[in-house]
Amino acid sequence: MNLKPEEESKSISIPEIEAEIEDFKKQLEASKVRTKELMAGEKPAEGIFFAKEIFESQQDKLRLEVEIDTRQRKINRMRLGMEGY
């Protein structure tokens, strides 16, 4: 289905976007928990580090925060009737 961006955005409803936001919030919480678990699992004295995994988890957290913010702004624009501008 090849819709123009403004047609595509109008076909998505606010409740659908809010559902996406809720899903992202759940993923965000899971990411935060994973980061904490990884940090707690590090044992520097034994040479056990999870730097790469912690970094990836933090990057995922940031990505999810952006996804949530972007969709919230989209809802705000839709409510103001400015979608597509």
Protein backbone atom coordinates (compact mmCIF):
# COMPACT_ATOMS: atom_id res chain seq x y z
CA MET A 1 0.00 0.00 0.00
CA ASN A 2 1.65 3.20 -1.19
CA LEU A 3 0.14 6.05 0.79
CA LYS A 4 1.57 9.52 0.85
CA PRO A 5 3.03 10.41 4.27
CA GLU A 6 0.08 12.66 5.15
CA GLU A 7 -2.44 9.98 4.11
CA GLU A 8 -0.53 7.31 6.02
CA SER A 9 -0.40 9.39 9.20
CA LYS A 10 -4.13 10.05 9.06
CA SER A 11 -4.86 6.33 8.78
CA ILE A 12 -3.21 5.75 12.17
CA SER A 13 -5.43 6.58 15.12
CA ILE A 14 -4.45 8.06 18.46
CA PRO A 15 -5.43 4.87 20.35
CA GLU A 16 -3.12 2.84 18.10
CA ILE A 17 -0.25 5.21 18.78
CA GLU A 18 -1.00 5.15 22.52
CA ALA A 19 -0.86 1.33 22.39
CA GLU A 20 2.56 1.56 20.72
CA ILE A 21 3.70 3.95 23.45
CA GLU A 22 2.60 1.51 26.15
CA ASP A 23 4.50 -1.29 24.43
CA PHE A 24 7.62 0.86 24.23
CA LYS A 25 7.25 1.77 27.91
CA LYS A 26 7.21 -1.92 28.82
CA GLN A 27 10.31 -2.51 26.71
CA LEU A 28 11.94 0.52 28.34
CA GLU A 29 11.35 -0.85 31.83
CA ALA A 30 12.76 -4.22 30.79
CA SER A 31 15.82 -2.47 29.38
CA LYS A 32 16.36 -0.56 32.62
CA VAL A 33 16.09 -3.77 34.64
CA ARG A 34 18.53 -5.54 32.32
CA THR A 35 21.06 -2.71 32.67
CA LYS A 36 20.83 -2.86 36.45
CA GLU A 37 21.20 -6.64 36.45
CA LEU A 38 24.26 -6.43 34.21
CA MET A 39 25.85 -3.76 36.37
CA ALA A 40 25.16 -5.76 39.51
CA GLY A 41 26.60 -8.88 37.89
CA GLU A 42 29.97 -7.32 37.20
CA LYS A 43 32.80 -8.54 39.40
CA PRO A 44 35.88 -6.42 38.72
CA ALA A 45 38.00 -8.39 41.20
CA GLU A 46 37.34 -11.53 39.17
CA GLY A 47 37.65 -9.80 35.81
CA ILE A 48 33.96 -10.17 34.97
CA PHE A 49 32.71 -7.16 33.03
CA PHE A 50 29.67 -6.59 30.84
CA ALA A 51 30.65 -3.27 29.27
CA LYS A 52 29.42 -4.13 25.78
CA GLU A 53 26.10 -5.51 27.02
CA ILE A 54 25.56 -2.55 29.36
CA PHE A 55 26.33 -0.12 26.55
CA GLU A 56 23.90 -1.88 24.19
CA SER A 57 21.21 -1.90 26.86
CA GLN A 58 21.70 1.81 27.51
CA GLN A 59 21.55 2.52 23.77
CA ASP A 60 18.31 0.54 23.58
CA LYS A 61 16.94 2.57 26.50
CA LEU A 62 17.73 5.80 24.69
CA ARG A 63 16.16 4.52 21.47
CA LEU A 64 12.97 3.58 23.30
CA GLU A 65 12.80 6.98 24.98
CA VAL A 66 13.03 8.63 21.55
CA GLU A 67 10.34 6.32 20.14
CA ILE A 68 8.01 7.23 23.02
CA ASP A 69 8.72 10.95 22.69
CA THR A 70 8.23 10.91 18.91
CA ARG A 71 4.87 9.19 19.17
CA GLN A 72 3.72 11.46 21.98
CA ARG A 73 4.56 14.48 19.83
CA LYS A 74 2.66 12.90 16.93
CA ILE A 75 -0.41 12.54 19.15
CA ASN A 76 -0.07 16.17 20.22
CA ARG A 77 0.14 17.30 16.58
CA MET A 78 -2.89 15.19 15.68
CA ARG A 79 -4.88 16.68 18.53
CA LEU A 80 -3.94 20.16 17.40
CA GLY A 81 -4.90 19.32 13.82
CA MET A 82 -1.41 20.05 12.57
CA GLU A 83 -0.45 16.61 11.33
CA GLY A 84 1.36 16.77 8.02
CA TYR A 85 2.93 20.17 8.56
